[in-house]
């Protein structure tokens, strides 16, 4: 990977110029000498406040955990349904 490394402060300031001051991404990228792709990546990374990023991350973890639990409970339910059907058939 070649190219310059920019500090987080530089990236945050570049994002602020787009979000707060309304500069166009293409113009700002050309003026700063960075690619538009890099600027969009920085906007993803630094455009959201840290507290909101942390909250979003914790919500995503909770969703992941709940999906896993739902999958387990659904499997258990299906097994119990099959067992109930089996024993109902056997008792006839």
PDB file of N, CA and C in Angstrom:
ATOM      1  N   UNK A   1       0.845  -1.168   0.000  1.00  0.00           N
ATOM      2  CA  UNK A   1       0.000   0.000   0.000  1.00  0.00           C
ATOM      3  C   UNK A   1       0.888   1.227   0.000  1.00  0.00           C
ATOM      4  N   UNK A   2       0.714   2.063  -0.974  1.00  0.00           N
ATOM      5  CA  UNK A   2       1.539   3.250  -1.060  1.00  0.00           C
ATOM      6  C   UNK A   2       0.690   4.468  -0.743  1.00  0.00           C
ATOM      7  N   UNK A   3       1.354   5.579  -0.594  1.00  0.00           N
ATOM      8  CA  UNK A   3       0.620   6.807  -0.326  1.00  0.00           C
ATOM      9  C   UNK A   3       0.956   7.374   1.025  1.00  0.00           C
ATOM     10  N   UNK A   4       0.427   8.565   1.259  1.00  0.00           N
ATOM     11  CA  UNK A   4       0.693   9.261   2.510  1.00  0.00           C
ATOM     12  C   UNK A   4      -0.209   8.741   3.611  1.00  0.00           C
ATOM     13  N   UNK A   5       0.255   8.913   4.819  1.00  0.00           N
ATOM     14  CA  UNK A   5      -0.543   8.625   6.007  1.00  0.00           C
ATOM     15  C   UNK A   5      -0.962   9.969   6.588  1.00  0.00           C
ATOM     16  N   UNK A   6      -2.217  10.086   6.908  1.00  0.00           N
ATOM     17  CA  UNK A   6      -2.739  11.334   7.457  1.00  0.00           C
ATOM     18  C   UNK A   6      -3.154  11.113   8.903  1.00  0.00           C
ATOM     19  N   UNK A   7      -3.001  12.141   9.711  1.00  0.00           N
ATOM     20  CA  UNK A   7      -3.379  12.046  11.117  1.00  0.00           C
ATOM     21  C   UNK A   7      -4.896  12.059  11.236  1.00  0.00           C
ATOM     22  N   UNK A   8      -5.383  11.559  12.368  1.00  0.00           N
ATOM     23  CA  UNK A   8      -6.820  11.576  12.610  1.00  0.00           C
ATOM     24  C   UNK A   8      -7.355  13.004  12.644  1.00  0.00           C
ATOM     25  N   UNK A   9      -6.561  13.929  13.169  1.00  0.00           N
ATOM     26  CA  UNK A   9      -6.992  15.331  13.230  1.00  0.00           C
ATOM     27  C   UNK A   9      -7.206  15.887  11.819  1.00  0.00           C
ATOM     28  N   UNK A  10      -6.304  15.552  10.912  1.00  0.00           N
ATOM     29  CA  UNK A  10      -6.427  15.988   9.523  1.00  0.00           C
ATOM     30  C   UNK A  10      -7.707  15.424   8.908  1.00  0.00           C
ATOM     31  N   UNK A  11      -7.946  14.139   9.145  1.00  0.00           N
ATOM     32  CA  UNK A  11      -9.122  13.482   8.592  1.00  0.00           C
ATOM     33  C   UNK A  11     -10.413  14.081   9.156  1.00  0.00           C
ATOM     34  N   UNK A  12     -10.425  14.325  10.465  1.00  0.00           N
ATOM     35  CA  UNK A  12     -11.608  14.904  11.106  1.00  0.00           C
ATOM     36  C   UNK A  12     -11.887  16.290  10.558  1.00  0.00           C
ATOM     37  N   UNK A  13     -10.848  17.077  10.374  1.00  0.00           N
ATOM     38  CA  UNK A  13     -11.020  18.425   9.824  1.00  0.00           C
ATOM     39  C   UNK A  13     -11.534  18.362   8.385  1.00  0.00           C
ATOM     40  N   UNK A  14     -11.039  17.421   7.607  1.00  0.00           N
ATOM     41  CA  UNK A  14     -11.519  17.264   6.231  1.00  0.00           C
ATOM     42  C   UNK A  14     -12.993  16.891   6.223  1.00  0.00           C
ATOM     43  N   UNK A  15     -13.389  15.997   7.108  1.00  0.00           N
ATOM     44  CA  UNK A  15     -14.799  15.596   7.200  1.00  0.00           C
ATOM     45  C   UNK A  15     -15.661  16.785   7.608  1.00  0.00           C
ATOM     46  N   UNK A  16     -15.165  17.589   8.549  1.00  0.00           N
ATOM     47  CA  UNK A  16     -15.924  18.773   8.979  1.00  0.00           C
ATOM     48  C   UNK A  16     -16.138  19.753   7.837  1.00  0.00           C
ATOM     49  N   UNK A  17     -15.149  19.869   6.968  1.00  0.00           N
ATOM     50  CA  UNK A  17     -15.297  20.782   5.834  1.00  0.00           C
ATOM     51  C   UNK A  17     -16.415  20.337   4.906  1.00  0.00           C
ATOM     52  N   UNK A  18     -16.613  19.039   4.801  1.00  0.00           N
ATOM     53  CA  UNK A  18     -17.695  18.538   3.955  1.00  0.00           C
ATOM     54  C   UNK A  18     -19.034  18.628   4.686  1.00  0.00           C
ATOM     55  N   UNK A  19     -19.073  18.139   5.928  1.00  0.00           N
ATOM     56  CA  UNK A  19     -20.347  18.047   6.631  1.00  0.00           C
ATOM     57  C   UNK A  19     -20.819  19.387   7.190  1.00  0.00           C
ATOM     58  N   UNK A  20     -19.929  20.142   7.803  1.00  0.00           N
ATOM     59  CA  UNK A  20     -20.336  21.391   8.450  1.00  0.00           C
ATOM     60  C   UNK A  20     -20.346  22.581   7.493  1.00  0.00           C
ATOM     61  N   UNK A  21     -19.349  22.643   6.647  1.00  0.00           N
ATOM     62  CA  UNK A  21     -19.201  23.826   5.792  1.00  0.00           C
ATOM     63  C   UNK A  21     -19.786  23.635   4.396  1.00  0.00           C
ATOM     64  N   UNK A  22     -20.171  22.413   4.065  1.00  0.00           N
ATOM     65  CA  UNK A  22     -20.844  22.158   2.806  1.00  0.00           C
ATOM     66  C   UNK A  22     -19.975  22.126   1.568  1.00  0.00           C
ATOM     67  N   UNK A  23     -18.685  21.912   1.711  1.00  0.00           N
ATOM     68  CA  UNK A  23     -17.805  21.807   0.544  1.00  0.00           C
ATOM     69  C   UNK A  23     -18.109  20.513  -0.205  1.00  0.00           C
ATOM     70  N   UNK A  24     -17.970  20.533  -1.520  1.00  0.00           N
ATOM     71  CA  UNK A  24     -18.170  19.334  -2.332  1.00  0.00           C
ATOM     72  C   UNK A  24     -17.008  18.375  -2.124  1.00  0.00           C
ATOM     73  N   UNK A  25     -17.320  17.094  -2.082  1.00  0.00           N
ATOM     74  CA  UNK A  25     -16.293  16.071  -1.842  1.00  0.00           C
ATOM     75  C   UNK A  25     -15.233  16.101  -2.943  1.00  0.00           C
ATOM     76  N   UNK A  26     -15.672  16.200  -4.181  1.00  0.00           N
ATOM     77  CA  UNK A  26     -14.718  16.189  -5.305  1.00  0.00           C
ATOM     78  C   UNK A  26     -13.767  17.381  -5.217  1.00  0.00           C
ATOM     79  N   UNK A  27     -14.313  18.564  -4.949  1.00  0.00           N
ATOM     80  CA  UNK A  27     -13.470  19.761  -4.860  1.00  0.00           C
ATOM     81  C   UNK A  27     -12.499  19.673  -3.691  1.00  0.00           C
ATOM     82  N   UNK A  28     -13.005  19.252  -2.549  1.00  0.00           N
ATOM     83  CA  UNK A  28     -12.158  19.169  -1.364  1.00  0.00           C
ATOM     84  C   UNK A  28     -11.066  18.119  -1.536  1.00  0.00           C
ATOM     85  N   UNK A  29     -11.423  16.977  -2.116  1.00  0.00           N
ATOM     86  CA  UNK A  29     -10.429  15.922  -2.327  1.00  0.00           C
ATOM     87  C   UNK A  29      -9.312  16.413  -3.232  1.00  0.00           C
ATOM     88  N   UNK A  30      -9.677  17.127  -4.281  1.00  0.00           N
ATOM     89  CA  UNK A  30      -8.658  17.660  -5.199  1.00  0.00           C
ATOM     90  C   UNK A  30      -7.790  18.691  -4.498  1.00  0.00           C
ATOM     91  N   UNK A  31      -8.436  19.567  -3.723  1.00  0.00           N
ATOM     92  CA  UNK A  31      -7.688  20.623  -3.027  1.00  0.00           C
ATOM     93  C   UNK A  31      -6.729  20.038  -1.993  1.00  0.00           C
ATOM     94  N   UNK A  32      -7.156  18.971  -1.295  1.00  0.00           N
ATOM     95  CA  UNK A  32      -6.308  18.368  -0.259  1.00  0.00           C
ATOM     96  C   UNK A  32      -5.306  17.364  -0.834  1.00  0.00           C
ATOM     97  N   UNK A  33      -5.526  16.954  -2.067  1.00  0.00           N
ATOM     98  CA  UNK A  33      -4.614  15.988  -2.676  1.00  0.00           C
ATOM     99  C   UNK A  33      -4.866  14.566  -2.219  1.00  0.00           C
ATOM    100  N   UNK A  34      -6.115  14.255  -1.916  1.00  0.00           N
ATOM    101  CA  UNK A  34      -6.489  12.890  -1.528  1.00  0.00           C
ATOM    102  C   UNK A  34      -7.549  12.394  -2.509  1.00  0.00           C
ATOM    103  N   UNK A  35      -7.763  11.108  -2.512  1.00  0.00           N
ATOM    104  CA  UNK A  35      -8.785  10.566  -3.406  1.00  0.00           C
ATOM    105  C   UNK A  35     -10.169  10.772  -2.794  1.00  0.00           C
ATOM    106  N   UNK A  36     -11.156  10.806  -3.662  1.00  0.00           N
ATOM    107  CA  UNK A  36     -12.526  10.941  -3.182  1.00  0.00           C
ATOM    108  C   UNK A  36     -12.911   9.731  -2.334  1.00  0.00           C
ATOM    109  N   UNK A  37     -12.409   8.584  -2.741  1.00  0.00           N
ATOM    110  CA  UNK A  37     -12.686   7.357  -1.978  1.00  0.00           C
ATOM    111  C   UNK A  37     -12.178   7.480  -0.542  1.00  0.00           C
ATOM    112  N   UNK A  38     -10.978   8.002  -0.386  1.00  0.00           N
ATOM    113  CA  UNK A  38     -10.429   8.186   0.965  1.00  0.00           C
ATOM    114  C   UNK A  38     -11.292   9.127   1.777  1.00  0.00           C
ATOM    115  N   UNK A  39     -11.726  10.196   1.149  1.00  0.00           N
ATOM    116  CA  UNK A  39     -12.554  11.178   1.853  1.00  0.00           C
ATOM    117  C   UNK A  39     -13.890  10.562   2.275  1.00  0.00           C
ATOM    118  N   UNK A  40     -14.487   9.769   1.410  1.00  0.00           N
ATOM    119  CA  UNK A  40     -15.737   9.099   1.780  1.00  0.00           C
ATOM    120  C   UNK A  40     -15.512   8.103   2.917  1.00  0.00           C
ATOM    121  N   UNK A  41     -14.382   7.399   2.890  1.00  0.00           N
ATOM    122  CA  UNK A  41     -14.053   6.479   3.981  1.00  0.00           C
ATOM    123  C   UNK A  41     -13.899   7.234   5.299  1.00  0.00           C
ATOM    124  N   UNK A  42     -13.236   8.378   5.253  1.00  0.00           N
ATOM    125  CA  UNK A  42     -13.065   9.190   6.456  1.00  0.00           C
ATOM    126  C   UNK A  42     -14.419   9.669   6.962  1.00  0.00           C
ATOM    127  N   UNK A  43     -15.315   9.993   6.034  1.00  0.00           N
ATOM    128  CA  UNK A  43     -16.644  10.449   6.439  1.00  0.00           C
ATOM    129  C   UNK A  43     -17.392   9.327   7.161  1.00  0.00           C
ATOM    130  N   UNK A  44     -17.220   8.099   6.683  1.00  0.00           N
ATOM    131  CA  UNK A  44     -17.835   6.959   7.366  1.00  0.00           C
ATOM    132  C   UNK A  44     -17.255   6.788   8.758  1.00  0.00           C
ATOM    133  N   UNK A  45     -15.939   6.924   8.834  1.00  0.00           N
ATOM    134  CA  UNK A  45     -15.237   6.661  10.084  1.00  0.00           C
ATOM    135  C   UNK A  45     -15.412   7.778  11.107  1.00  0.00           C
ATOM    136  N   UNK A  46     -15.304   9.019  10.664  1.00  0.00           N
ATOM    137  CA  UNK A  46     -15.277  10.132  11.606  1.00  0.00           C
ATOM    138  C   UNK A  46     -16.515  11.021  11.543  1.00  0.00           C
ATOM    139  N   UNK A  47     -17.443  10.735  10.646  1.00  0.00           N
ATOM    140  CA  UNK A  47     -18.618  11.580  10.495  1.00  0.00           C
ATOM    141  C   UNK A  47     -19.639  11.405  11.609  1.00  0.00           C
ATOM    142  N   UNK A  48     -19.537  10.313  12.350  1.00  0.00           N
ATOM    143  CA  UNK A  48     -20.468  10.019  13.424  1.00  0.00           C
ATOM    144  C   UNK A  48     -19.745  10.219  14.753  1.00  0.00           C
ATOM    145  N   UNK A  49     -20.364  10.900  15.718  1.00  0.00           N
ATOM    146  CA  UNK A  49     -19.722  11.096  17.027  1.00  0.00           C
ATOM    147  C   UNK A  49     -19.398   9.760  17.706  1.00  0.00           C
ATOM    148  N   UNK A  50     -18.356   9.757  18.512  1.00  0.00           N
ATOM    149  CA  UNK A  50     -17.877   8.540  19.176  1.00  0.00           C
ATOM    150  C   UNK A  50     -18.979   7.881  20.003  1.00  0.00           C
ATOM    151  N   UNK A  51     -19.765   8.662  20.729  1.00  0.00           N
ATOM    152  CA  UNK A  51     -20.831   8.095  21.561  1.00  0.00           C
ATOM    153  C   UNK A  51     -21.838   7.339  20.696  1.00  0.00           C
ATOM    154  N   UNK A  52     -22.168   7.906  19.561  1.00  0.00           N
ATOM    155  CA  UNK A  52     -23.124   7.262  18.670  1.00  0.00           C
ATOM    156  C   UNK A  52     -22.527   6.012  18.039  1.00  0.00           C
ATOM    157  N   UNK A  53     -21.233   6.051  17.692  1.00  0.00           N
ATOM    158  CA  UNK A  53     -20.567   4.863  17.145  1.00  0.00           C
ATOM    159  C   UNK A  53     -20.586   3.735  18.165  1.00  0.00           C
ATOM    160  N   UNK A  54     -20.309   4.060  19.430  1.00  0.00           N
ATOM    161  CA  UNK A  54     -20.298   3.053  20.490  1.00  0.00           C
ATOM    162  C   UNK A  54     -21.685   2.472  20.678  1.00  0.00           C
ATOM    163  N   UNK A  55     -22.699   3.327  20.670  1.00  0.00           N
ATOM    164  CA  UNK A  55     -24.071   2.860  20.835  1.00  0.00           C
ATOM    165  C   UNK A  55     -24.483   1.956  19.673  1.00  0.00           C
ATOM    166  N   UNK A  56     -24.136   2.348  18.471  1.00  0.00           N
ATOM    167  CA  UNK A  56     -24.465   1.551  17.288  1.00  0.00           C
ATOM    168  C   UNK A  56     -23.771   0.200  17.357  1.00  0.00           C
ATOM    169  N   UNK A  57     -22.520   0.210  17.765  1.00  0.00           N
ATOM    170  CA  UNK A  57     -21.755  -1.038  17.876  1.00  0.00           C
ATOM    171  C   UNK A  57     -22.406  -1.968  18.898  1.00  0.00           C
ATOM    172  N   UNK A  58     -22.809  -1.426  20.048  1.00  0.00           N
ATOM    173  CA  UNK A  58     -23.428  -2.262  21.079  1.00  0.00           C
ATOM    174  C   UNK A  58     -24.794  -2.778  20.616  1.00  0.00           C
ATOM    175  N   UNK A  59     -25.525  -1.973  19.852  1.00  0.00           N
ATOM    176  CA  UNK A  59     -26.807  -2.428  19.317  1.00  0.00           C
ATOM    177  C   UNK A  59     -26.595  -3.563  18.313  1.00  0.00           C
ATOM    178  N   UNK A  60     -25.563  -3.449  17.492  1.00  0.00           N
ATOM    179  CA  UNK A  60     -25.274  -4.509  16.526  1.00  0.00           C
ATOM    180  C   UNK A  60     -24.896  -5.806  17.234  1.00  0.00           C
ATOM    181  N   UNK A  61     -24.134  -5.711  18.324  1.00  0.00           N
ATOM    182  CA  UNK A  61     -23.773  -6.896  19.096  1.00  0.00           C
ATOM    183  C   UNK A  61     -25.014  -7.525  19.717  1.00  0.00           C
ATOM    184  N   UNK A  62     -25.915  -6.701  20.230  1.00  0.00           N
ATOM    185  CA  UNK A  62     -27.153  -7.196  20.833  1.00  0.00           C
ATOM    186  C   UNK A  62     -28.022  -7.882  19.773  1.00  0.00           C
ATOM    187  N   UNK A  63     -28.121  -7.306  18.587  1.00  0.00           N
ATOM    188  CA  UNK A  63     -28.890  -7.915  17.501  1.00  0.00           C
ATOM    189  C   UNK A  63     -28.295  -9.263  17.125  1.00  0.00           C
ATOM    190  N   UNK A  64     -26.973  -9.321  17.036  1.00  0.00           N
ATOM    191  CA  UNK A  64     -26.288 -10.570  16.713  1.00  0.00           C
ATOM    192  C   UNK A  64     -26.591 -11.635  17.769  1.00  0.00           C
ATOM    193  N   UNK A  65     -26.542 -11.245  19.037  1.00  0.00           N
ATOM    194  CA  UNK A  65     -26.805 -12.179  20.129  1.00  0.00           C
ATOM    195  C   UNK A  65     -28.250 -12.663  20.078  1.00  0.00           C
ATOM    196  N   UNK A  66     -29.182 -11.738  19.839  1.00  0.00           N
ATOM    197  CA  UNK A  66     -30.595 -12.103  19.793  1.00  0.00           C
ATOM    198  C   UNK A  66     -30.913 -13.014  18.605  1.00  0.00           C
ATOM    199  N   UNK A  67     -30.279 -12.775  17.468  1.00  0.00           N
ATOM    200  CA  UNK A  67     -30.484 -13.647  16.314  1.00  0.00           C
ATOM    201  C   UNK A  67     -30.001 -15.062  16.613  1.00  0.00           C
ATOM    202  N   UNK A  68     -28.855 -15.151  17.278  1.00  0.00           N
ATOM    203  CA  UNK A  68     -28.318 -16.451  17.640  1.00  0.00           C
ATOM    204  C   UNK A  68     -29.267 -17.170  18.600  1.00  0.00           C
ATOM    205  N   UNK A  69     -29.769 -16.454  19.587  1.00  0.00           N
ATOM    206  CA  UNK A  69     -30.697 -17.036  20.554  1.00  0.00           C
ATOM    207  C   UNK A  69     -31.995 -17.464  19.861  1.00  0.00           C
ATOM    208  N   UNK A  70     -32.494 -16.643  18.937  1.00  0.00           N
ATOM    209  CA  UNK A  70     -33.708 -16.978  18.193  1.00  0.00           C
ATOM    210  C   UNK A  70     -33.509 -18.253  17.386  1.00  0.00           C
ATOM    211  N   UNK A  71     -32.360 -18.383  16.759  1.00  0.00           N
ATOM    212  CA  UNK A  71     -32.054 -19.576  15.971  1.00  0.00           C
ATOM    213  C   UNK A  71     -32.065 -20.820  16.874  1.00  0.00           C
ATOM    214  N   UNK A  72     -31.461 -20.710  18.058  1.00  0.00           N
ATOM    215  CA  UNK A  72     -31.409 -21.830  19.002  1.00  0.00           C
ATOM    216  C   UNK A  72     -32.810 -22.200  19.480  1.00  0.00           C
ATOM    217  N   UNK A  73     -33.605 -21.205  19.853  1.00  0.00           N
ATOM    218  CA  UNK A  73     -34.955 -21.454  20.364  1.00  0.00           C
ATOM    219  C   UNK A  73     -35.841 -22.042  19.271  1.00  0.00           C
ATOM    220  N   UNK A  74     -35.678 -21.577  18.042  1.00  0.00           N
ATOM    221  CA  UNK A  74     -36.456 -22.121  16.920  1.00  0.00           C
ATOM    222  C   UNK A  74     -36.120 -23.588  16.704  1.00  0.00           C
ATOM    223  N   UNK A  75     -34.847 -23.934  16.783  1.00  0.00           N
ATOM    224  CA  UNK A  75     -34.443 -25.331  16.639  1.00  0.00           C
ATOM    225  C   UNK A  75     -35.034 -26.186  17.759  1.00  0.00           C
ATOM    226  N   UNK A  76     -35.000 -25.661  18.990  1.00  0.00           N
ATOM    227  CA  UNK A  76     -35.571 -26.395  20.118  1.00  0.00           C
ATOM    228  C   UNK A  76     -37.065 -26.611  19.913  1.00  0.00           C
ATOM    229  N   UNK A  77     -37.770 -25.596  19.446  1.00  0.00           N
ATOM    230  CA  UNK A  77     -39.205 -25.693  19.204  1.00  0.00           C
ATOM    231  C   UNK A  77     -39.496 -26.754  18.147  1.00  0.00           C
ATOM    232  N   UNK A  78     -38.705 -26.742  17.071  1.00  0.00           N
ATOM    233  CA  UNK A  78     -38.919 -27.718  16.002  1.00  0.00           C
ATOM    234  C   UNK A  78     -38.696 -29.137  16.505  1.00  0.00           C
ATOM    235  N   UNK A  79     -37.688 -29.326  17.338  1.00  0.00           N
ATOM    236  CA  UNK A  79     -37.421 -30.653  17.907  1.00  0.00           C
ATOM    237  C   UNK A  79     -38.597 -31.081  18.783  1.00  0.00           C
ATOM    238  N   UNK A  80     -39.106 -30.172  19.599  1.00  0.00           N
ATOM    239  CA  UNK A  80     -40.243 -30.512  20.467  1.00  0.00           C
ATOM    240  C   UNK A  80     -41.497 -30.823  19.655  1.00  0.00           C
ATOM    241  N   UNK A  81     -41.717 -30.102  18.564  1.00  0.00           N
ATOM    242  CA  UNK A  81     -42.866 -30.385  17.697  1.00  0.00           C
ATOM    243  C   UNK A  81     -42.759 -31.799  17.125  1.00  0.00           C
ATOM    244  N   UNK A  82     -41.581 -32.156  16.654  1.00  0.00           N
ATOM    245  CA  UNK A  82     -41.384 -33.484  16.081  1.00  0.00           C
ATOM    246  C   UNK A  82     -41.563 -34.561  17.150  1.00  0.00           C
ATOM    247  N   UNK A  83     -41.054 -34.303  18.339  1.00  0.00           N
ATOM    248  CA  UNK A  83     -41.196 -35.274  19.426  1.00  0.00           C
ATOM    249  C   UNK A  83     -42.665 -35.435  19.806  1.00  0.00           C
ATOM    250  N   UNK A  84     -43.407 -34.348  19.885  1.00  0.00           N
ATOM    251  CA  UNK A  84     -44.831 -34.412  20.227  1.00  0.00           C
ATOM    252  C   UNK A  84     -45.594 -35.184  19.163  1.00  0.00           C
ATOM    253  N   UNK A  85     -45.287 -34.945  17.901  1.00  0.00           N
ATOM    254  CA  UNK A  85     -45.949 -35.667  16.818  1.00  0.00           C
ATOM    255  C   UNK A  85     -45.613 -37.150  16.883  1.00  0.00           C
ATOM    256  N   UNK A  86     -44.371 -37.468  17.184  1.00  0.00           N
ATOM    257  CA  UNK A  86     -43.949 -38.862  17.284  1.00  0.00           C
ATOM    258  C   UNK A  86     -44.703 -39.578  18.404  1.00  0.00           C
ATOM    259  N   UNK A  87     -44.743 -38.951  19.596  1.00  0.00           N
ATOM    260  CA  UNK A  87     -45.408 -39.593  20.733  1.00  0.00           C
ATOM    261  C   UNK A  87     -46.915 -39.648  20.545  1.00  0.00           C
ATOM    262  N   UNK A  88     -47.496 -38.684  19.850  1.00  0.00           N
ATOM    263  CA  UNK A  88     -48.928 -38.729  19.582  1.00  0.00           C
ATOM    264  C   UNK A  88     -49.246 -39.892  18.654  1.00  0.00           C
ATOM    265  N   UNK A  89     -48.384 -40.127  17.680  1.00  0.00           N
ATOM    266  CA  UNK A  89     -48.579 -41.234  16.736  1.00  0.00           C
ATOM    267  C   UNK A  89     -48.396 -42.574  17.452  1.00  0.00           C
ATOM    268  N   UNK A  90     -47.446 -42.652  18.378  1.00  0.00           N
ATOM    269  CA  UNK A  90     -47.168 -43.889  19.106  1.00  0.00           C
ATOM    270  C   UNK A  90     -48.304 -44.257  20.070  1.00  0.00           C
ATOM    271  N   UNK A  91     -49.003 -43.272  20.605  1.00  0.00           N
ATOM    272  CA  UNK A  91     -50.037 -43.539  21.611  1.00  0.00           C
ATOM    273  C   UNK A  91     -51.346 -44.027  20.988  1.00  0.00           C
ATOM    274  N   UNK A  92     -51.483 -43.965  19.683  1.00  0.00           N
ATOM    275  CA  UNK A  92     -52.720 -44.397  19.017  1.00  0.00           C
ATOM    276  C   UNK A  92     -52.834 -45.877  18.984  1.00  0.00           C
TER     277      UNK A  92
END
